[in-house]
Amino acid sequence: MPRKSRDTVVREVNSRVDQIVAENRRLERLITGVLLLQVVVGLGLVVAGAVLGRWEVAAPGGGLAALLYWPIRILVALQDKNDRLRLVPDLLRLAEESEARRLAAEHVARIIEGTGRL
């Protein structure tokens, strides 16, 4: 199998990173939509409960507000992953010697697995 040039590898990695980031963007939009729906429904319940003077209507709205934590955490994690992935092509470009390339490849593998931090 012929050895690929460095520029070819960087282009392929760039293409794959762009594809992953685009997929993550779609998921981010979905999560943002869920968050927006949660906020609107929660506020609607709280306002309706206040207008009607019934706490049993307002309480679920407060519960919905408390549940905003998890989608926000997922959204932040996705954005963090996207930021780390965007650094991969730069790492590959900067890796000049074989040891640096090996370290960059290990780092890329950890980033893709989601276990590594930059």
N, C-alpha and C. Protein backbone atom coordinates (compact mmCIF):
# COMPACT_ATOMS: atom_id res chain seq x y z
N MET A 1 0.85 -1.18 0.00
CA MET A 1 0.00 0.00 0.00
C MET A 1 0.89 1.24 0.00
N PRO A 2 0.69 2.14 -0.96
CA PRO A 2 1.54 3.32 -1.02
C PRO A 2 1.31 4.24 0.18
N ARG A 3 2.38 4.85 0.60
CA ARG A 3 2.32 5.75 1.75
C ARG A 3 1.68 7.08 1.32
N LYS A 4 0.75 7.56 2.11
CA LYS A 4 0.08 8.82 1.79
C LYS A 4 0.96 9.99 2.18
N SER A 5 0.85 11.05 1.40
CA SER A 5 1.61 12.25 1.74
C SER A 5 0.98 12.91 2.97
N ARG A 6 1.76 13.70 3.61
CA ARG A 6 1.30 14.40 4.82
C ARG A 6 0.10 15.29 4.52
N ASP A 7 0.16 16.00 3.40
CA ASP A 7 -0.94 16.89 3.02
C ASP A 7 -2.22 16.10 2.78
N THR A 8 -2.10 14.93 2.17
CA THR A 8 -3.27 14.09 1.93
C THR A 8 -3.89 13.66 3.24
N VAL A 9 -3.05 13.25 4.19
CA VAL A 9 -3.55 12.82 5.50
C VAL A 9 -4.26 13.97 6.20
N VAL A 10 -3.65 15.15 6.18
CA VAL A 10 -4.25 16.32 6.84
C VAL A 10 -5.59 16.66 6.18
N ARG A 11 -5.65 16.58 4.84
CA ARG A 11 -6.91 16.86 4.14
C ARG A 11 -7.98 15.84 4.53
N GLU A 12 -7.61 14.57 4.60
CA GLU A 12 -8.57 13.54 4.98
C GLU A 12 -9.06 13.73 6.41
N VAL A 13 -8.12 14.05 7.29
CA VAL A 13 -8.49 14.29 8.70
C VAL A 13 -9.39 15.52 8.78
N ASN A 14 -9.04 16.58 8.07
CA ASN A 14 -9.88 17.79 8.05
C ASN A 14 -11.28 17.47 7.58
N SER A 15 -11.39 16.67 6.54
CA SER A 15 -12.69 16.30 6.00
C SER A 15 -13.51 15.53 7.03
N ARG A 16 -12.88 14.57 7.69
CA ARG A 16 -13.58 13.77 8.70
C ARG A 16 -13.98 14.63 9.91
N VAL A 17 -13.10 15.51 10.34
CA VAL A 17 -13.41 16.40 11.47
C VAL A 17 -14.59 17.28 11.10
N ASP A 18 -14.59 17.84 9.89
CA ASP A 18 -15.71 18.67 9.45
C ASP A 18 -17.02 17.88 9.45
N GLN A 19 -16.95 16.62 9.03
CA GLN A 19 -18.14 15.77 9.01
C GLN A 19 -18.66 15.52 10.43
N ILE A 20 -17.77 15.21 11.35
CA ILE A 20 -18.17 14.96 12.73
C ILE A 20 -18.74 16.22 13.37
N VAL A 21 -18.10 17.35 13.13
CA VAL A 21 -18.59 18.62 13.69
C VAL A 21 -19.98 18.94 13.13
N ALA A 22 -20.21 18.67 11.84
CA ALA A 22 -21.53 18.91 11.25
C ALA A 22 -22.59 18.01 11.90
N GLU A 23 -22.23 16.75 12.14
CA GLU A 23 -23.16 15.84 12.82
C GLU A 23 -23.46 16.34 14.23
N ASN A 24 -22.42 16.79 14.92
CA ASN A 24 -22.60 17.32 16.27
C ASN A 24 -23.45 18.58 16.26
N ARG A 25 -23.32 19.40 15.22
CA ARG A 25 -24.13 20.63 15.11
C ARG A 25 -25.61 20.28 15.03
N ARG A 26 -25.94 19.24 14.27
CA ARG A 26 -27.35 18.82 14.18
C ARG A 26 -27.86 18.40 15.55
N LEU A 27 -27.05 17.66 16.28
CA LEU A 27 -27.44 17.24 17.62
C LEU A 27 -27.56 18.43 18.55
N GLU A 28 -26.66 19.40 18.41
CA GLU A 28 -26.74 20.62 19.21
C GLU A 28 -28.06 21.36 18.95
N ARG A 29 -28.46 21.43 17.68
CA ARG A 29 -29.73 22.11 17.35
C ARG A 29 -30.91 21.37 17.97
N LEU A 30 -30.87 20.05 17.93
CA LEU A 30 -31.95 19.26 18.53
C LEU A 30 -32.01 19.50 20.04
N ILE A 31 -30.88 19.47 20.70
CA ILE A 31 -30.84 19.69 22.14
C ILE A 31 -31.29 21.11 22.47
N THR A 32 -30.87 22.09 21.66
CA THR A 32 -31.30 23.47 21.88
C THR A 32 -32.81 23.58 21.73
N GLY A 33 -33.38 22.88 20.75
CA GLY A 33 -34.83 22.88 20.58
C GLY A 33 -35.54 22.28 21.79
N VAL A 34 -35.00 21.19 22.31
CA VAL A 34 -35.58 20.56 23.51
C VAL A 34 -35.49 21.52 24.69
N LEU A 35 -34.35 22.19 24.84
CA LEU A 35 -34.19 23.17 25.92
C LEU A 35 -35.22 24.29 25.79
N LEU A 36 -35.37 24.80 24.59
CA LEU A 36 -36.33 25.88 24.36
C LEU A 36 -37.75 25.42 24.70
N LEU A 37 -38.10 24.23 24.26
CA LEU A 37 -39.42 23.68 24.56
C LEU A 37 -39.61 23.52 26.07
N GLN A 38 -38.57 23.03 26.75
CA GLN A 38 -38.64 22.88 28.20
C GLN A 38 -38.85 24.22 28.90
N VAL A 39 -38.14 25.23 28.46
CA VAL A 39 -38.27 26.55 29.08
C VAL A 39 -39.67 27.11 28.84
N VAL A 40 -40.16 27.02 27.60
CA VAL A 40 -41.47 27.57 27.28
C VAL A 40 -42.57 26.85 28.07
N VAL A 41 -42.52 25.53 28.10
CA VAL A 41 -43.54 24.76 28.84
C VAL A 41 -43.43 25.05 30.34
N GLY A 42 -42.19 25.08 30.86
CA GLY A 42 -42.00 25.36 32.28
C GLY A 42 -42.51 26.72 32.68
N LEU A 43 -42.17 27.74 31.88
CA LEU A 43 -42.66 29.09 32.18
C LEU A 43 -44.17 29.16 32.05
N GLY A 44 -44.72 28.48 31.04
CA GLY A 44 -46.17 28.47 30.87
C GLY A 44 -46.88 27.87 32.08
N LEU A 45 -46.32 26.78 32.61
CA LEU A 45 -46.92 26.16 33.79
C LEU A 45 -46.82 27.06 35.02
N VAL A 46 -45.66 27.69 35.19
CA VAL A 46 -45.48 28.58 36.34
C VAL A 46 -46.44 29.76 36.24
N VAL A 47 -46.54 30.38 35.07
CA VAL A 47 -47.44 31.52 34.88
C VAL A 47 -48.89 31.09 35.06
N ALA A 48 -49.27 29.96 34.47
CA ALA A 48 -50.64 29.47 34.60
C ALA A 48 -50.96 29.17 36.06
N GLY A 49 -50.01 28.56 36.77
CA GLY A 49 -50.21 28.29 38.20
C GLY A 49 -50.36 29.55 39.00
N ALA A 50 -49.58 30.59 38.67
CA ALA A 50 -49.66 31.85 39.39
C ALA A 50 -50.99 32.55 39.11
N VAL A 51 -51.40 32.55 37.85
CA VAL A 51 -52.66 33.20 37.48
C VAL A 51 -53.84 32.48 38.13
N LEU A 52 -53.80 31.17 38.12
CA LEU A 52 -54.90 30.39 38.70
C LEU A 52 -54.82 30.27 40.21
N GLY A 53 -53.66 30.62 40.75
CA GLY A 53 -53.47 30.52 42.19
C GLY A 53 -53.39 29.08 42.66
N ARG A 54 -52.88 28.20 41.80
CA ARG A 54 -52.79 26.79 42.14
C ARG A 54 -51.34 26.33 42.03
N TRP A 55 -50.74 25.99 43.15
CA TRP A 55 -49.34 25.58 43.17
C TRP A 55 -49.13 24.24 42.47
N GLU A 56 -50.17 23.38 42.44
CA GLU A 56 -50.00 22.08 41.79
C GLU A 56 -49.84 22.21 40.28
N VAL A 57 -50.23 23.35 39.73
CA VAL A 57 -49.99 23.62 38.30
C VAL A 57 -48.60 24.22 38.12
N ALA A 58 -48.19 25.06 39.06
CA ALA A 58 -46.90 25.74 38.95
C ALA A 58 -45.72 24.82 39.29
N ALA A 59 -45.92 23.87 40.18
CA ALA A 59 -44.81 23.00 40.64
C ALA A 59 -44.15 22.22 39.50
N PRO A 60 -44.89 21.63 38.57
CA PRO A 60 -44.21 20.93 37.47
C PRO A 60 -43.34 21.85 36.61
N GLY A 61 -43.74 23.11 36.50
CA GLY A 61 -42.91 24.07 35.77
C GLY A 61 -41.57 24.27 36.45
N GLY A 62 -41.58 24.33 37.77
CA GLY A 62 -40.33 24.41 38.52
C GLY A 62 -39.51 23.15 38.35
N GLY A 63 -40.19 22.01 38.32
CA GLY A 63 -39.49 20.74 38.09
C GLY A 63 -38.84 20.70 36.72
N LEU A 64 -39.54 21.20 35.72
CA LEU A 64 -38.95 21.26 34.38
C LEU A 64 -37.71 22.15 34.35
N ALA A 65 -37.78 23.25 35.07
CA ALA A 65 -36.62 24.15 35.14
C ALA A 65 -35.43 23.43 35.78
N ALA A 66 -35.70 22.60 36.77
CA ALA A 66 -34.62 21.86 37.43
C ALA A 66 -34.00 20.83 36.48
N LEU A 67 -34.78 20.33 35.54
CA LEU A 67 -34.29 19.32 34.60
C LEU A 67 -33.48 19.91 33.44
N LEU A 68 -33.34 21.22 33.39
CA LEU A 68 -32.55 21.86 32.33
C LEU A 68 -31.07 21.52 32.43
N TYR A 69 -30.63 21.08 33.59
CA TYR A 69 -29.22 20.80 33.84
C TYR A 69 -28.67 19.77 32.86
N TRP A 70 -29.37 18.66 32.64
CA TRP A 70 -28.82 17.58 31.82
C TRP A 70 -28.67 17.95 30.36
N PRO A 71 -29.66 18.52 29.70
CA PRO A 71 -29.43 18.89 28.30
C PRO A 71 -28.34 19.96 28.15
N ILE A 72 -28.26 20.86 29.10
CA ILE A 72 -27.21 21.88 29.03
C ILE A 72 -25.84 21.22 29.16
N ARG A 73 -25.72 20.27 30.06
CA ARG A 73 -24.45 19.56 30.24
C ARG A 73 -24.06 18.83 28.96
N ILE A 74 -25.02 18.18 28.31
CA ILE A 74 -24.74 17.48 27.05
C ILE A 74 -24.31 18.47 25.98
N LEU A 75 -24.98 19.60 25.92
CA LEU A 75 -24.65 20.63 24.93
C LEU A 75 -23.24 21.16 25.13
N VAL A 76 -22.87 21.42 26.36
CA VAL A 76 -21.52 21.92 26.65
C VAL A 76 -20.48 20.85 26.30
N ALA A 77 -20.77 19.59 26.59
CA ALA A 77 -19.83 18.51 26.26
C ALA A 77 -19.65 18.38 24.75
N LEU A 78 -20.73 18.53 23.98
CA LEU A 78 -20.63 18.48 22.52
C LEU A 78 -19.78 19.62 21.98
N GLN A 79 -20.00 20.82 22.52
CA GLN A 79 -19.21 21.96 22.06
C GLN A 79 -17.74 21.78 22.42
N ASP A 80 -17.47 21.21 23.59
CA ASP A 80 -16.09 20.94 24.00
C ASP A 80 -15.44 19.94 23.04
N LYS A 81 -16.18 18.89 22.69
CA LYS A 81 -15.66 17.89 21.76
C LYS A 81 -15.37 18.51 20.40
N ASN A 82 -16.28 19.35 19.92
CA ASN A 82 -16.06 20.03 18.64
C ASN A 82 -14.81 20.89 18.68
N ASP A 83 -14.61 21.60 19.76
CA ASP A 83 -13.41 22.44 19.89
C ASP A 83 -12.15 21.59 19.86
N ARG A 84 -12.16 20.46 20.57
CA ARG A 84 -10.99 19.59 20.58
C ARG A 84 -10.75 18.98 19.21
N LEU A 85 -11.81 18.59 18.52
CA LEU A 85 -11.65 17.99 17.20
C LEU A 85 -11.08 18.98 16.19
N ARG A 86 -11.46 20.25 16.33
CA ARG A 86 -10.95 21.26 15.39
C ARG A 86 -9.44 21.45 15.52
N LEU A 87 -8.86 21.03 16.63
CA LEU A 87 -7.42 21.17 16.83
C LEU A 87 -6.62 20.03 16.20
N VAL A 88 -7.28 18.94 15.84
CA VAL A 88 -6.59 17.77 15.33
C VAL A 88 -5.75 18.07 14.09
N PRO A 89 -6.31 18.72 13.05
CA PRO A 89 -5.48 19.00 11.88
C PRO A 89 -4.23 19.82 12.21
N ASP A 90 -4.36 20.76 13.14
CA ASP A 90 -3.20 21.55 13.53
C ASP A 90 -2.15 20.69 14.22
N LEU A 91 -2.60 19.77 15.05
CA LEU A 91 -1.66 18.85 15.70
C LEU A 91 -0.90 18.03 14.66
N LEU A 92 -1.62 17.56 13.66
CA LEU A 92 -0.97 16.77 12.61
C LEU A 92 0.00 17.60 11.79
N ARG A 93 -0.36 18.83 11.51
CA ARG A 93 0.54 19.70 10.74
C ARG A 93 1.81 20.02 11.50
N LEU A 94 1.68 20.18 12.82
CA LEU A 94 2.83 20.55 13.64
C LEU A 94 3.76 19.38 13.93
N ALA A 95 3.27 18.17 13.77
CA ALA A 95 4.08 16.99 14.09
C ALA A 95 5.10 16.76 12.99
N GLU A 96 6.34 17.12 13.25
CA GLU A 96 7.39 17.03 12.25
C GLU A 96 8.13 15.70 12.30
N GLU A 97 8.57 15.31 13.46
CA GLU A 97 9.37 14.10 13.56
C GLU A 97 8.47 12.92 13.90
N SER A 98 9.03 11.72 13.79
CA SER A 98 8.21 10.52 13.98
C SER A 98 7.65 10.43 15.40
N GLU A 99 8.42 10.82 16.39
CA GLU A 99 7.94 10.77 17.79
C GLU A 99 6.77 11.73 17.97
N ALA A 100 6.87 12.92 17.42
CA ALA A 100 5.79 13.90 17.52
C ALA A 100 4.55 13.39 16.79
N ARG A 101 4.75 12.73 15.64
CA ARG A 101 3.61 12.17 14.91
C ARG A 101 2.94 11.06 15.72
N ARG A 102 3.73 10.24 16.37
CA ARG A 102 3.18 9.16 17.18
C ARG A 102 2.36 9.74 18.34
N LEU A 103 2.92 10.75 19.00
CA LEU A 103 2.20 11.39 20.10
C LEU A 103 0.92 12.06 19.60
N ALA A 104 1.00 12.71 18.45
CA ALA A 104 -0.19 13.35 17.89
C ALA A 104 -1.24 12.30 17.55
N ALA A 105 -0.82 11.16 16.99
CA ALA A 105 -1.77 10.10 16.66
C ALA A 105 -2.43 9.55 17.93
N GLU A 106 -1.67 9.37 18.99
CA GLU A 106 -2.24 8.90 20.26
C GLU A 106 -3.25 9.92 20.79
N HIS A 107 -2.87 11.18 20.70
CA HIS A 107 -3.75 12.25 21.19
C HIS A 107 -5.05 12.29 20.37
N VAL A 108 -4.92 12.16 19.07
CA VAL A 108 -6.10 12.14 18.19
C VAL A 108 -7.00 10.98 18.57
N ALA A 109 -6.43 9.82 18.82
CA ALA A 109 -7.23 8.65 19.20
C ALA A 109 -7.99 8.91 20.50
N ARG A 110 -7.33 9.54 21.47
CA ARG A 110 -8.00 9.85 22.75
C ARG A 110 -9.12 10.87 22.53
N ILE A 111 -8.88 11.85 21.68
CA ILE A 111 -9.90 12.87 21.41
C ILE A 111 -11.12 12.21 20.76
N ILE A 112 -10.88 11.37 19.78
CA ILE A 112 -11.97 10.72 19.07
C ILE A 112 -12.75 9.82 20.02
N GLU A 113 -12.07 9.13 20.90
CA GLU A 113 -12.75 8.28 21.88
C GLU A 113 -13.47 9.11 22.92
N GLY A 114 -13.09 10.37 23.07
CA GLY A 114 -13.75 11.24 24.03
C GLY A 114 -13.16 11.13 25.42
N THR A 115 -12.02 10.45 25.56
CA THR A 115 -11.43 10.28 26.88
C THR A 115 -10.29 11.24 27.14
N GLY A 116 -9.79 11.85 26.09
CA GLY A 116 -8.63 12.71 26.25
C GLY A 116 -8.99 14.16 26.42
N ARG A 117 -8.11 14.90 27.01
CA ARG A 117 -8.28 16.33 27.16
C ARG A 117 -7.04 17.00 26.59
N LEU A 118 -7.25 18.14 25.98
CA LEU A 118 -6.10 18.91 25.48
C LEU A 118 -5.57 19.80 26.55
